[in-house]
PDB file of N, CA and C in Angstrom:
ATOM      1  N   MET A   1      18.811  20.029 -39.075  1.00  0.00           N
ATOM      2  CA  MET A   1      19.611  18.923 -38.575  1.00  0.00           C
ATOM      3  C   MET A   1      18.896  17.612 -38.908  1.00  0.00           C
ATOM      4  N   LYS A   2      19.660  16.649 -39.325  1.00  0.00           N
ATOM      5  CA  LYS A   2      19.105  15.335 -39.641  1.00  0.00           C
ATOM      6  C   LYS A   2      18.552  14.685 -38.379  1.00  0.00           C
ATOM      7  N   THR A   3      17.521  13.906 -38.547  1.00  0.00           N
ATOM      8  CA  THR A   3      16.876  13.218 -37.426  1.00  0.00           C
ATOM      9  C   THR A   3      17.872  12.344 -36.678  1.00  0.00           C
ATOM     10  N   GLU A   4      18.721  11.626 -37.430  1.00  0.00           N
ATOM     11  CA  GLU A   4      19.679  10.726 -36.800  1.00  0.00           C
ATOM     12  C   GLU A   4      20.624  11.480 -35.868  1.00  0.00           C
ATOM     13  N   LEU A   5      21.097  12.636 -36.318  1.00  0.00           N
ATOM     14  CA  LEU A   5      22.000  13.431 -35.470  1.00  0.00           C
ATOM     15  C   LEU A   5      21.270  14.015 -34.268  1.00  0.00           C
ATOM     16  N   ALA A   6      20.023  14.415 -34.458  1.00  0.00           N
ATOM     17  CA  ALA A   6      19.237  14.929 -33.330  1.00  0.00           C
ATOM     18  C   ALA A   6      19.024  13.843 -32.280  1.00  0.00           C
ATOM     19  N   MET A   7      18.772  12.613 -32.720  1.00  0.00           N
ATOM     20  CA  MET A   7      18.582  11.506 -31.775  1.00  0.00           C
ATOM     21  C   MET A   7      19.894  11.181 -31.057  1.00  0.00           C
ATOM     22  N   LEU A   8      21.009  11.318 -31.766  1.00  0.00           N
ATOM     23  CA  LEU A   8      22.320  11.104 -31.130  1.00  0.00           C
ATOM     24  C   LEU A   8      22.565  12.163 -30.055  1.00  0.00           C
ATOM     25  N   MET A   9      22.224  13.409 -30.359  1.00  0.00           N
ATOM     26  CA  MET A   9      22.381  14.469 -29.346  1.00  0.00           C
ATOM     27  C   MET A   9      21.480  14.219 -28.144  1.00  0.00           C
ATOM     28  N   ALA A  10      20.249  13.801 -28.387  1.00  0.00           N
ATOM     29  CA  ALA A  10      19.329  13.514 -27.287  1.00  0.00           C
ATOM     30  C   ALA A  10      19.836  12.344 -26.446  1.00  0.00           C
ATOM     31  N   THR A  11      20.475  11.375 -27.092  1.00  0.00           N
ATOM     32  CA  THR A  11      21.057  10.257 -26.355  1.00  0.00           C
ATOM     33  C   THR A  11      22.192  10.750 -25.458  1.00  0.00           C
ATOM     34  N   GLY A  12      22.957  11.709 -25.945  1.00  0.00           N
ATOM     35  CA  GLY A  12      24.004  12.312 -25.116  1.00  0.00           C
ATOM     36  C   GLY A  12      23.436  13.029 -23.903  1.00  0.00           C
ATOM     37  N   VAL A  13      22.313  13.682 -24.076  1.00  0.00           N
ATOM     38  CA  VAL A  13      21.645  14.348 -22.945  1.00  0.00           C
ATOM     39  C   VAL A  13      21.171  13.308 -21.934  1.00  0.00           C
ATOM     40  N   LEU A  14      20.627  12.204 -22.425  1.00  0.00           N
ATOM     41  CA  LEU A  14      20.209  11.117 -21.528  1.00  0.00           C
ATOM     42  C   LEU A  14      21.404  10.583 -20.747  1.00  0.00           C
ATOM     43  N   TYR A  15      22.529  10.410 -21.427  1.00  0.00           N
ATOM     44  CA  TYR A  15      23.741   9.930 -20.754  1.00  0.00           C
ATOM     45  C   TYR A  15      24.137  10.887 -19.632  1.00  0.00           C
ATOM     46  N   ALA A  16      24.134  12.183 -19.920  1.00  0.00           N
ATOM     47  CA  ALA A  16      24.500  13.174 -18.895  1.00  0.00           C
ATOM     48  C   ALA A  16      23.517  13.144 -17.727  1.00  0.00           C
ATOM     49  N   ALA A  17      22.235  12.978 -18.026  1.00  0.00           N
ATOM     50  CA  ALA A  17      21.228  12.930 -16.961  1.00  0.00           C
ATOM     51  C   ALA A  17      21.424  11.708 -16.071  1.00  0.00           C
ATOM     52  N   LEU A  18      21.810  10.587 -16.667  1.00  0.00           N
ATOM     53  CA  LEU A  18      22.039   9.376 -15.871  1.00  0.00           C
ATOM     54  C   LEU A  18      23.348   9.452 -15.096  1.00  0.00           C
ATOM     55  N   MET A  19      24.276  10.258 -15.569  1.00  0.00           N
ATOM     56  CA  MET A  19      25.567  10.384 -14.910  1.00  0.00           C
ATOM     57  C   MET A  19      25.468  11.224 -13.628  1.00  0.00           C
ATOM     58  N   MET A  20      24.588  12.195 -13.616  1.00  0.00           N
ATOM     59  CA  MET A  20      24.504  13.135 -12.485  1.00  0.00           C
ATOM     60  C   MET A  20      24.322  12.463 -11.119  1.00  0.00           C
ATOM     61  N   PRO A  21      23.317  11.596 -10.933  1.00  0.00           N
ATOM     62  CA  PRO A  21      23.128  11.037  -9.588  1.00  0.00           C
ATOM     63  C   PRO A  21      24.295  10.183  -9.113  1.00  0.00           C
ATOM     64  N   SER A  22      24.802   9.329  -9.983  1.00  0.00           N
ATOM     65  CA  SER A  22      25.871   8.436  -9.537  1.00  0.00           C
ATOM     66  C   SER A  22      27.169   9.198  -9.287  1.00  0.00           C
ATOM     67  N   ARG A  23      27.451  10.187 -10.088  1.00  0.00           N
ATOM     68  CA  ARG A  23      28.677  10.971  -9.878  1.00  0.00           C
ATOM     69  C   ARG A  23      28.579  11.861  -8.640  1.00  0.00           C
ATOM     70  N   SER A  24      27.418  12.431  -8.409  1.00  0.00           N
ATOM     71  CA  SER A  24      27.288  13.299  -7.234  1.00  0.00           C
ATOM     72  C   SER A  24      27.356  12.490  -5.941  1.00  0.00           C
ATOM     73  N   MET A  25      26.787  11.291  -5.938  1.00  0.00           N
ATOM     74  CA  MET A  25      26.868  10.446  -4.749  1.00  0.00           C
ATOM     75  C   MET A  25      28.270   9.872  -4.565  1.00  0.00           C
ATOM     76  N   ALA A  26      28.934   9.574  -5.681  1.00  0.00           N
ATOM     77  CA  ALA A  26      30.296   9.044  -5.589  1.00  0.00           C
ATOM     78  C   ALA A  26      31.234  10.081  -4.984  1.00  0.00           C
ATOM     79  N   ALA A  27      30.966  11.349  -5.250  1.00  0.00           N
ATOM     80  CA  ALA A  27      31.801  12.405  -4.684  1.00  0.00           C
ATOM     81  C   ALA A  27      31.599  12.519  -3.174  1.00  0.00           C
ATOM     82  N   ALA A  28      30.437  12.113  -2.693  1.00  0.00           N
ATOM     83  CA  ALA A  28      30.137  12.211  -1.267  1.00  0.00           C
ATOM     84  C   ALA A  28      30.665  11.019  -0.471  1.00  0.00           C
ATOM     85  N   VAL A  29      31.024   9.930  -1.160  1.00  0.00           N
ATOM     86  CA  VAL A  29      31.500   8.724  -0.485  1.00  0.00           C
ATOM     87  C   VAL A  29      33.026   8.738  -0.466  1.00  0.00           C
ATOM     88  N   PRO A  30      33.647   8.512   0.691  1.00  0.00           N
ATOM     89  CA  PRO A  30      35.105   8.495   0.737  1.00  0.00           C
ATOM     90  C   PRO A  30      35.687   7.363  -0.119  1.00  0.00           C
ATOM     91  N   ALA A  31      36.921   7.526  -0.528  1.00  0.00           N
ATOM     92  CA  ALA A  31      37.589   6.515  -1.356  1.00  0.00           C
ATOM     93  C   ALA A  31      37.566   5.163  -0.645  1.00  0.00           C
ATOM     94  N   GLY A  32      37.218   4.138  -1.367  1.00  0.00           N
ATOM     95  CA  GLY A  32      37.146   2.798  -0.796  1.00  0.00           C
ATOM     96  C   GLY A  32      35.871   2.527  -0.037  1.00  0.00           C
ATOM     97  N   GLY A  33      34.960   3.502  -0.015  1.00  0.00           N
ATOM     98  CA  GLY A  33      33.687   3.324   0.690  1.00  0.00           C
ATOM     99  C   GLY A  33      32.739   2.478  -0.133  1.00  0.00           C
ATOM    100  N   PRO A  34      31.575   2.211   0.419  1.00  0.00           N
ATOM    101  CA  PRO A  34      30.607   1.361  -0.301  1.00  0.00           C
ATOM    102  C   PRO A  34      30.071   2.072  -1.553  1.00  0.00           C
ATOM    103  N   ALA A  35      29.774   1.281  -2.552  1.00  0.00           N
ATOM    104  CA  ALA A  35      29.184   1.824  -3.773  1.00  0.00           C
ATOM    105  C   ALA A  35      27.755   2.272  -3.476  1.00  0.00           C
ATOM    106  N   PRO A  36      27.298   3.320  -4.138  1.00  0.00           N
ATOM    107  CA  PRO A  36      25.926   3.760  -3.902  1.00  0.00           C
ATOM    108  C   PRO A  36      24.930   2.673  -4.299  1.00  0.00           C
ATOM    109  N   GLY A  37      23.893   2.543  -3.522  1.00  0.00           N
ATOM    110  CA  GLY A  37      22.863   1.542  -3.807  1.00  0.00           C
ATOM    111  C   GLY A  37      21.562   2.217  -4.179  1.00  0.00           C
ATOM    112  N   GLY A  38      20.506   1.450  -4.206  1.00  0.00           N
ATOM    113  CA  GLY A  38      19.187   1.995  -4.518  1.00  0.00           C
ATOM    114  C   GLY A  38      19.127   2.536  -5.929  1.00  0.00           C
ATOM    115  N   TRP A  39      18.312   3.557  -6.111  1.00  0.00           N
ATOM    116  CA  TRP A  39      18.122   4.112  -7.450  1.00  0.00           C
ATOM    117  C   TRP A  39      19.373   4.785  -7.969  1.00  0.00           C
ATOM    118  N   VAL A  40      20.223   5.283  -7.063  1.00  0.00           N
ATOM    119  CA  VAL A  40      21.471   5.920  -7.508  1.00  0.00           C
ATOM    120  C   VAL A  40      22.403   4.878  -8.127  1.00  0.00           C
ATOM    121  N   GLY A  41      22.503   3.720  -7.510  1.00  0.00           N
ATOM    122  CA  GLY A  41      23.297   2.641  -8.080  1.00  0.00           C
ATOM    123  C   GLY A  41      22.726   2.153  -9.398  1.00  0.00           C
ATOM    124  N   ARG A  42      21.384   2.094  -9.457  1.00  0.00           N
ATOM    125  CA  ARG A  42      20.752   1.668 -10.704  1.00  0.00           C
ATOM    126  C   ARG A  42      20.952   2.701 -11.806  1.00  0.00           C
ATOM    127  N   ALA A  43      21.024   3.989 -11.444  1.00  0.00           N
ATOM    128  CA  ALA A  43      21.316   5.028 -12.446  1.00  0.00           C
ATOM    129  C   ALA A  43      22.711   4.814 -13.027  1.00  0.00           C
ATOM    130  N   GLY A  44      23.651   4.413 -12.178  1.00  0.00           N
ATOM    131  CA  GLY A  44      24.994   4.108 -12.667  1.00  0.00           C
ATOM    132  C   GLY A  44      25.000   2.907 -13.605  1.00  0.00           C
ATOM    133  N   GLU A  45      24.198   1.895 -13.286  1.00  0.00           N
ATOM    134  CA  GLU A  45      24.077   0.725 -14.164  1.00  0.00           C
ATOM    135  C   GLU A  45      23.468   1.117 -15.509  1.00  0.00           C
ATOM    136  N   ALA A  46      22.433   1.956 -15.474  1.00  0.00           N
ATOM    137  CA  ALA A  46      21.786   2.394 -16.713  1.00  0.00           C
ATOM    138  C   ALA A  46      22.752   3.215 -17.558  1.00  0.00           C
ATOM    139  N   ARG A  47      23.556   4.045 -16.907  1.00  0.00           N
ATOM    140  CA  ARG A  47      24.539   4.862 -17.625  1.00  0.00           C
ATOM    141  C   ARG A  47      25.588   3.985 -18.279  1.00  0.00           C
ATOM    142  N   ALA A  48      26.082   2.985 -17.555  1.00  0.00           N
ATOM    143  CA  ALA A  48      27.100   2.096 -18.111  1.00  0.00           C
ATOM    144  C   ALA A  48      26.540   1.303 -19.295  1.00  0.00           C
ATOM    145  N   SER A  49      25.305   0.843 -19.180  1.00  0.00           N
ATOM    146  CA  SER A  49      24.688   0.108 -20.275  1.00  0.00           C
ATOM    147  C   SER A  49      24.471   1.010 -21.486  1.00  0.00           C
ATOM    148  N   LEU A  50      24.070   2.253 -21.234  1.00  0.00           N
ATOM    149  CA  LEU A  50      23.883   3.199 -22.328  1.00  0.00           C
ATOM    150  C   LEU A  50      25.199   3.480 -23.033  1.00  0.00           C
ATOM    151  N   ALA A  51      26.273   3.610 -22.270  1.00  0.00           N
ATOM    152  CA  ALA A  51      27.582   3.871 -22.883  1.00  0.00           C
ATOM    153  C   ALA A  51      27.972   2.743 -23.826  1.00  0.00           C
ATOM    154  N   GLU A  52      27.714   1.508 -23.422  1.00  0.00           N
ATOM    155  CA  GLU A  52      28.045   0.359 -24.271  1.00  0.00           C
ATOM    156  C   GLU A  52      27.228   0.356 -25.555  1.00  0.00           C
ATOM    157  N   ALA A  53      25.971   0.732 -25.472  1.00  0.00           N
ATOM    158  CA  ALA A  53      25.109   0.727 -26.654  1.00  0.00           C
ATOM    159  C   ALA A  53      25.300   1.979 -27.512  1.00  0.00           C
ATOM    160  N   MET A  54      25.698   3.071 -26.875  1.00  0.00           N
ATOM    161  CA  MET A  54      25.794   4.336 -27.582  1.00  0.00           C
ATOM    162  C   MET A  54      26.986   4.387 -28.534  1.00  0.00           C
ATOM    163  N   ILE A  55      28.051   3.686 -28.223  1.00  0.00           N
ATOM    164  CA  ILE A  55      29.239   3.752 -29.083  1.00  0.00           C
ATOM    165  C   ILE A  55      28.938   3.231 -30.482  1.00  0.00           C
ATOM    166  N   PRO A  56      28.406   2.006 -30.646  1.00  0.00           N
ATOM    167  CA  PRO A  56      28.102   1.576 -32.013  1.00  0.00           C
ATOM    168  C   PRO A  56      27.016   2.433 -32.677  1.00  0.00           C
ATOM    169  N   PHE A  57      26.028   2.863 -31.893  1.00  0.00           N
ATOM    170  CA  PHE A  57      24.976   3.713 -32.447  1.00  0.00           C
ATOM    171  C   PHE A  57      25.575   5.015 -32.979  1.00  0.00           C
ATOM    172  N   ALA A  58      26.430   5.642 -32.196  1.00  0.00           N
ATOM    173  CA  ALA A  58      27.037   6.904 -32.615  1.00  0.00           C
ATOM    174  C   ALA A  58      27.881   6.721 -33.870  1.00  0.00           C
ATOM    175  N   LEU A  59      28.656   5.639 -33.921  1.00  0.00           N
ATOM    176  CA  LEU A  59      29.476   5.393 -35.110  1.00  0.00           C
ATOM    177  C   LEU A  59      28.609   5.196 -36.347  1.00  0.00           C
ATOM    178  N   CYS A  60      27.520   4.487 -36.202  1.00  0.00           N
ATOM    179  CA  CYS A  60      26.623   4.259 -37.339  1.00  0.00           C
ATOM    180  C   CYS A  60      25.947   5.553 -37.784  1.00  0.00           C
ATOM    181  N   VAL A  61      25.480   6.344 -36.837  1.00  0.00           N
ATOM    182  CA  VAL A  61      24.840   7.616 -37.172  1.00  0.00           C
ATOM    183  C   VAL A  61      25.831   8.540 -37.868  1.00  0.00           C
ATOM    184  N   LEU A  62      27.044   8.610 -37.355  1.00  0.00           N
ATOM    185  CA  LEU A  62      28.044   9.479 -37.976  1.00  0.00           C
ATOM    186  C   LEU A  62      28.420   8.994 -39.366  1.00  0.00           C
ATOM    187  N   ALA A  63      28.467   7.675 -39.574  1.00  0.00           N
ATOM    188  CA  ALA A  63      28.756   7.133 -40.901  1.00  0.00           C
ATOM    189  C   ALA A  63      27.635   7.479 -41.875  1.00  0.00           C
ATOM    190  N   VAL A  64      26.395   7.353 -41.430  1.00  0.00           N
ATOM    191  CA  VAL A  64      25.258   7.699 -42.283  1.00  0.00           C
ATOM    192  C   VAL A  64      25.280   9.193 -42.615  1.00  0.00           C
ATOM    193  N   ALA A  65      25.582  10.021 -41.617  1.00  0.00           N
ATOM    194  CA  ALA A  65      25.615  11.462 -41.854  1.00  0.00           C
ATOM    195  C   ALA A  65      26.765  11.842 -42.795  1.00  0.00           C
ATOM    196  N   ALA A  66      27.911  11.208 -42.626  1.00  0.00           N
ATOM    197  CA  ALA A  66      29.075  11.541 -43.456  1.00  0.00           C
ATOM    198  C   ALA A  66      28.888  11.128 -44.912  1.00  0.00           C
ATOM    199  N   THR A  67      28.189  10.014 -45.134  1.00  0.00           N
ATOM    200  CA  THR A  67      27.992   9.539 -46.495  1.00  0.00           C
ATOM    201  C   THR A  67      26.740  10.112 -47.145  1.00  0.00           C
ATOM    202  N   GLY A  68      25.905  10.763 -46.357  1.00  0.00           N
ATOM    203  CA  GLY A  68      24.675  11.326 -46.899  1.00  0.00           C
ATOM    204  C   GLY A  68      23.656  10.267 -47.271  1.00  0.00           C
ATOM    205  N   GLU A  69      23.742   9.096 -46.663  1.00  0.00           N
ATOM    206  CA  GLU A  69      22.867   7.970 -46.988  1.00  0.00           C
ATOM    207  C   GLU A  69      21.642   7.887 -46.081  1.00  0.00           C
ATOM    208  N   ALA A  70      21.293   8.961 -45.411  1.00  0.00           N
ATOM    209  CA  ALA A  70      20.149   8.932 -44.497  1.00  0.00           C
ATOM    210  C   ALA A  70      18.864   8.637 -45.259  1.00  0.00           C
ATOM    211  N   THR A  71      18.053   7.772 -44.693  1.00  0.00           N
ATOM    212  CA  THR A  71      16.756   7.405 -45.275  1.00  0.00           C
ATOM    213  C   THR A  71      15.690   7.516 -44.192  1.00  0.00           C
ATOM    214  N   MET A  72      14.465   7.315 -44.588  1.00  0.00           N
ATOM    215  CA  MET A  72      13.390   7.312 -43.600  1.00  0.00           C
ATOM    216  C   MET A  72      13.594   6.157 -42.614  1.00  0.00           C
ATOM    217  N   LEU A  73      14.109   5.044 -43.108  1.00  0.00           N
ATOM    218  CA  LEU A  73      14.346   3.881 -42.253  1.00  0.00           C
ATOM    219  C   LEU A  73      15.440   4.168 -41.219  1.00  0.00           C
ATOM    220  N   SER A  74      16.494   4.871 -41.620  1.00  0.00           N
ATOM    221  CA  SER A  74      17.553   5.193 -40.655  1.00  0.00           C
ATOM    222  C   SER A  74      17.053   6.200 -39.617  1.00  0.00           C
ATOM    223  N   ALA A  75      16.194   7.120 -40.042  1.00  0.00           N
ATOM    224  CA  ALA A  75      15.611   8.075 -39.089  1.00  0.00           C
ATOM    225  C   ALA A  75      14.721   7.351 -38.084  1.00  0.00           C
ATOM    226  N   MET A  76      13.917   6.401 -38.579  1.00  0.00           N
ATOM    227  CA  MET A  76      13.065   5.629 -37.673  1.00  0.00           C
ATOM    228  C   MET A  76      13.908   4.773 -36.736  1.00  0.00           C
ATOM    229  N   GLY A  77      15.019   4.234 -37.240  1.00  0.00           N
ATOM    230  CA  GLY A  77      15.917   3.446 -36.398  1.00  0.00           C
ATOM    231  C   GLY A  77      16.517   4.281 -35.278  1.00  0.00           C
ATOM    232  N   ALA A  78      16.912   5.504 -35.605  1.00  0.00           N
ATOM    233  CA  ALA A  78      17.479   6.382 -34.583  1.00  0.00           C
ATOM    234  C   ALA A  78      16.431   6.741 -33.536  1.00  0.00           C
ATOM    235  N   GLN A  79      15.210   6.978 -33.975  1.00  0.00           N
ATOM    236  CA  GLN A  79      14.133   7.272 -33.030  1.00  0.00           C
ATOM    237  C   GLN A  79      13.819   6.058 -32.160  1.00  0.00           C
ATOM    238  N   LEU A  80      13.840   4.878 -32.769  1.00  0.00           N
ATOM    239  CA  LEU A  80      13.623   3.651 -32.006  1.00  0.00           C
ATOM    240  C   LEU A  80      14.722   3.459 -30.972  1.00  0.00           C
ATOM    241  N   PHE A  81      15.971   3.722 -31.363  1.00  0.00           N
ATOM    242  CA  PHE A  81      17.077   3.582 -30.421  1.00  0.00           C
ATOM    243  C   PHE A  81      16.864   4.480 -29.206  1.00  0.00           C
ATOM    244  N   LEU A  82      16.561   5.754 -29.447  1.00  0.00           N
ATOM    245  CA  LEU A  82      16.378   6.678 -28.327  1.00  0.00           C
ATOM    246  C   LEU A  82      15.199   6.252 -27.447  1.00  0.00           C
ATOM    247  N   ALA A  83      14.080   5.894 -28.061  1.00  0.00           N
ATOM    248  CA  ALA A  83      12.914   5.472 -27.273  1.00  0.00           C
ATOM    249  C   ALA A  83      13.240   4.228 -26.451  1.00  0.00           C
ATOM    250  N   ALA A  84      13.957   3.290 -27.051  1.00  0.00           N
ATOM    251  CA  ALA A  84      14.314   2.062 -26.340  1.00  0.00           C
ATOM    252  C   ALA A  84      15.261   2.355 -25.185  1.00  0.00           C
ATOM    253  N   ARG A  85      16.210   3.248 -25.396  1.00  0.00           N
ATOM    254  CA  ARG A  85      17.149   3.568 -24.314  1.00  0.00           C
ATOM    255  C   ARG A  85      16.469   4.363 -23.204  1.00  0.00           C
ATOM    256  N   LEU A  86      15.498   5.196 -23.545  1.00  0.00           N
ATOM    257  CA  LEU A  86      14.713   5.872 -22.508  1.00  0.00           C
ATOM    258  C   LEU A  86      13.926   4.844 -21.697  1.00  0.00           C
ATOM    259  N   ALA A  87      13.323   3.878 -22.389  1.00  0.00           N
ATOM    260  CA  ALA A  87      12.588   2.818 -21.694  1.00  0.00           C
ATOM    261  C   ALA A  87      13.534   1.985 -20.838  1.00  0.00           C
ATOM    262  N   HIS A  88      14.703   1.669 -21.369  1.00  0.00           N
ATOM    263  CA  HIS A  88      15.688   0.881 -20.625  1.00  0.00           C
ATOM    264  C   HIS A  88      16.098   1.612 -19.351  1.00  0.00           C
ATOM    265  N   ALA A  89      16.351   2.915 -19.471  1.00  0.00           N
ATOM    266  CA  ALA A  89      16.726   3.697 -18.286  1.00  0.00           C
ATOM    267  C   ALA A  89      15.589   3.711 -17.267  1.00  0.00           C
ATOM    268  N   ALA A  90      14.365   3.881 -17.742  1.00  0.00           N
ATOM    269  CA  ALA A  90      13.217   3.939 -16.822  1.00  0.00           C
ATOM    270  C   ALA A  90      13.027   2.617 -16.089  1.00  0.00           C
ATOM    271  N   VAL A  91      13.097   1.497 -16.813  1.00  0.00           N
ATOM    272  CA  VAL A  91      12.885   0.215 -16.134  1.00  0.00           C
ATOM    273  C   VAL A  91      14.063  -0.132 -15.231  1.00  0.00           C
ATOM    274  N   THR A  92      15.260   0.306 -15.592  1.00  0.00           N
ATOM    275  CA  THR A  92      16.416   0.074 -14.716  1.00  0.00           C
ATOM    276  C   THR A  92      16.272   0.875 -13.430  1.00  0.00           C
ATOM    277  N   LEU A  93      15.903   2.138 -13.545  1.00  0.00           N
ATOM    278  CA  LEU A  93      15.727   2.978 -12.355  1.00  0.00           C
ATOM    279  C   LEU A  93      14.600   2.449 -11.473  1.00  0.00           C
ATOM    280  N   ALA A  94      13.572   1.889 -12.092  1.00  0.00           N
ATOM    281  CA  ALA A  94      12.443   1.346 -11.331  1.00  0.00           C
ATOM    282  C   ALA A  94      12.762  -0.005 -10.709  1.00  0.00           C
ATOM    283  N   GLY A  95      13.851  -0.618 -11.143  1.00  0.00           N
ATOM    284  CA  GLY A  95      14.222  -1.918 -10.600  1.00  0.00           C
ATOM    285  C   GLY A  95      13.499  -3.079 -11.255  1.00  0.00           C
ATOM    286  N   ALA A  96      12.906  -2.851 -12.414  1.00  0.00           N
ATOM    287  CA  ALA A  96      12.187  -3.919 -13.136  1.00  0.00           C
ATOM    288  C   ALA A  96      13.143  -4.582 -14.116  1.00  0.00           C
ATOM    289  N   GLY A  97      14.075  -5.360 -13.574  1.00  0.00           N
ATOM    290  CA  GLY A  97      15.129  -5.952 -14.378  1.00  0.00           C
ATOM    291  C   GLY A  97      14.651  -6.867 -15.484  1.00  0.00           C
ATOM    292  N   TRP A  98      13.504  -7.478 -15.337  1.00  0.00           N
ATOM    293  CA  TRP A  98      13.009  -8.401 -16.348  1.00  0.00           C
ATOM    294  C   TRP A  98      12.598  -7.684 -17.629  1.00  0.00           C
ATOM    295  N   LEU A  99      12.408  -6.353 -17.579  1.00  0.00           N
ATOM    296  CA  LEU A  99      12.060  -5.593 -18.780  1.00  0.00           C
ATOM    297  C   LEU A  99      13.286  -5.028 -19.505  1.00  0.00           C
ATOM    298  N   ARG A 100      14.450  -5.161 -18.897  1.00  0.00           N
ATOM    299  CA  ARG A 100      15.649  -4.597 -19.515  1.00  0.00           C
ATOM    300  C   ARG A 100      16.037  -5.283 -20.822  1.00  0.00           C
ATOM    301  N   PRO A 101      16.034  -6.626 -20.910  1.00  0.00           N
ATOM    302  CA  PRO A 101      16.447  -7.250 -22.180  1.00  0.00           C
ATOM    303  C   PRO A 101      15.601  -6.856 -23.391  1.00  0.00           C
ATOM    304  N   PRO A 102      14.266  -6.780 -23.285  1.00  0.00           N
ATOM    305  CA  PRO A 102      13.507  -6.338 -24.465  1.00  0.00           C
ATOM    306  C   PRO A 102      13.847  -4.898 -24.879  1.00  0.00           C
ATOM    307  N   ALA A 103      14.067  -4.031 -23.898  1.00  0.00           N
ATOM    308  CA  ALA A 103      14.431  -2.646 -24.223  1.00  0.00           C
ATOM    309  C   ALA A 103      15.810  -2.596 -24.873  1.00  0.00           C
ATOM    310  N   TRP A 104      16.738  -3.408 -24.369  1.00  0.00           N
ATOM    311  CA  TRP A 104      18.071  -3.466 -24.970  1.00  0.00           C
ATOM    312  C   TRP A 104      17.977  -3.949 -26.415  1.00  0.00           C
ATOM    313  N   LEU A 105      17.202  -5.002 -26.633  1.00  0.00           N
ATOM    314  CA  LEU A 105      17.053  -5.559 -27.977  1.00  0.00           C
ATOM    315  C   LEU A 105      16.437  -4.546 -28.936  1.00  0.00           C
ATOM    316  N   ALA A 106      15.450  -3.804 -28.481  1.00  0.00           N
ATOM    317  CA  ALA A 106      14.833  -2.772 -29.330  1.00  0.00           C
ATOM    318  C   ALA A 106      15.859  -1.715 -29.725  1.00  0.00           C
ATOM    319  N   GLY A 107      16.746  -1.359 -28.803  1.00  0.00           N
ATOM    320  CA  GLY A 107      17.805  -0.399 -29.139  1.00  0.00           C
ATOM    321  C   GLY A 107      18.753  -0.945 -30.185  1.00  0.00           C
ATOM    322  N   MET A 108      19.087  -2.225 -30.085  1.00  0.00           N
ATOM    323  CA  MET A 108      19.973  -2.840 -31.082  1.00  0.00           C
ATOM    324  C   MET A 108      19.292  -2.924 -32.452  1.00  0.00           C
ATOM    325  N   VAL A 109      17.984  -3.181 -32.462  1.00  0.00           N
ATOM    326  CA  VAL A 109      17.240  -3.178 -33.726  1.00  0.00           C
ATOM    327  C   VAL A 109      17.276  -1.778 -34.340  1.00  0.00           C
ATOM    328  N   GLY A 110      17.130  -0.755 -33.510  1.00  0.00           N
ATOM    329  CA  GLY A 110      17.226   0.618 -34.004  1.00  0.00           C
ATOM    330  C   GLY A 110      18.582   0.906 -34.621  1.00  0.00           C
ATOM    331  N   THR A 111      19.649   0.443 -33.975  1.00  0.00           N
ATOM    332  CA  THR A 111      20.987   0.617 -34.536  1.00  0.00           C
ATOM    333  C   THR A 111      21.095  -0.125 -35.869  1.00  0.00           C
ATOM    334  N   GLY A 112      20.530  -1.313 -35.939  1.00  0.00           N
ATOM    335  CA  GLY A 112      20.542  -2.079 -37.187  1.00  0.00           C
ATOM    336  C   GLY A 112      19.828  -1.363 -38.320  1.00  0.00           C
ATOM    337  N   LEU A 113      18.730  -0.690 -37.996  1.00  0.00           N
ATOM    338  CA  LEU A 113      18.008   0.063 -39.019  1.00  0.00           C
ATOM    339  C   LEU A 113      18.840   1.238 -39.538  1.00  0.00           C
ATOM    340  N   VAL A 114      19.601   1.859 -38.642  1.00  0.00           N
ATOM    341  CA  VAL A 114      20.492   2.943 -39.070  1.00  0.00           C
ATOM    342  C   VAL A 114      21.561   2.384 -39.995  1.00  0.00           C
ATOM    343  N   VAL A 115      22.140   1.244 -39.649  1.00  0.00           N
ATOM    344  CA  VAL A 115      23.171   0.614 -40.474  1.00  0.00           C
ATOM    345  C   VAL A 115      22.606   0.249 -41.844  1.00  0.00           C
ATOM    346  N   SER A 116      21.364  -0.182 -41.877  1.00  0.00           N
ATOM    347  CA  SER A 116      20.778  -0.624 -43.158  1.00  0.00           C
ATOM    348  C   SER A 116      20.797   0.483 -44.206  1.00  0.00           C
ATOM    349  N   ALA A 117      20.773   1.741 -43.777  1.00  0.00           N
ATOM    350  CA  ALA A 117      20.823   2.839 -44.735  1.00  0.00           C
ATOM    351  C   ALA A 117      22.131   2.851 -45.517  1.00  0.00           C
ATOM    352  N   LEU A 118      23.197   2.356 -44.913  1.00  0.00           N
ATOM    353  CA  LEU A 118      24.488   2.342 -45.598  1.00  0.00           C
ATOM    354  C   LEU A 118      24.521   1.323 -46.736  1.00  0.00           C
ATOM    355  N   PHE A 119      23.666   0.315 -46.675  1.00  0.00           N
ATOM    356  CA  PHE A 119      23.687  -0.755 -47.663  1.00  0.00           C
ATOM    357  C   PHE A 119      22.547  -0.665 -48.679  1.00  0.00           C
ATOM    358  N   GLN A 120      21.727   0.359 -48.569  1.00  0.00           N
ATOM    359  CA  GLN A 120      20.618   0.509 -49.508  1.00  0.00           C
ATOM    360  C   GLN A 120      21.027   1.258 -50.773  1.00  0.00           C
ATOM    361  N   GLY A 121      22.084   2.058 -50.661  1.00  0.00           N
ATOM    362  CA  GLY A 121      22.478   2.873 -51.808  1.00  0.00           C
ATOM    363  C   GLY A 121      23.355   2.152 -52.681  1.00  0.00           C
TER     364      GLY A 121
END
């Protein structure tokens, strides 16, 4: 399996892991009740942010895989994206909001590196 696709699958696992706490707590709260707070609420925020970043990343990875244009740079970009999103999730869960923008930016740079493979050939 190509590195880019493996990183996309791992990102999907991260998404599922972040979904578990917020969904399980949401099921315990009656309709119209208060939104979960604390780390459970932050897990929901991290999941929503990951979903927004994962869509363009997934499209780029699938385009690279479909065209066969994978390079070492696109593989490194996919690895950077996953590492950045893991860091983003960790700092979000910890409540260290000031570290979220650098982690988000690193993920976008990783997506950009994946895209660059499409324009090198």
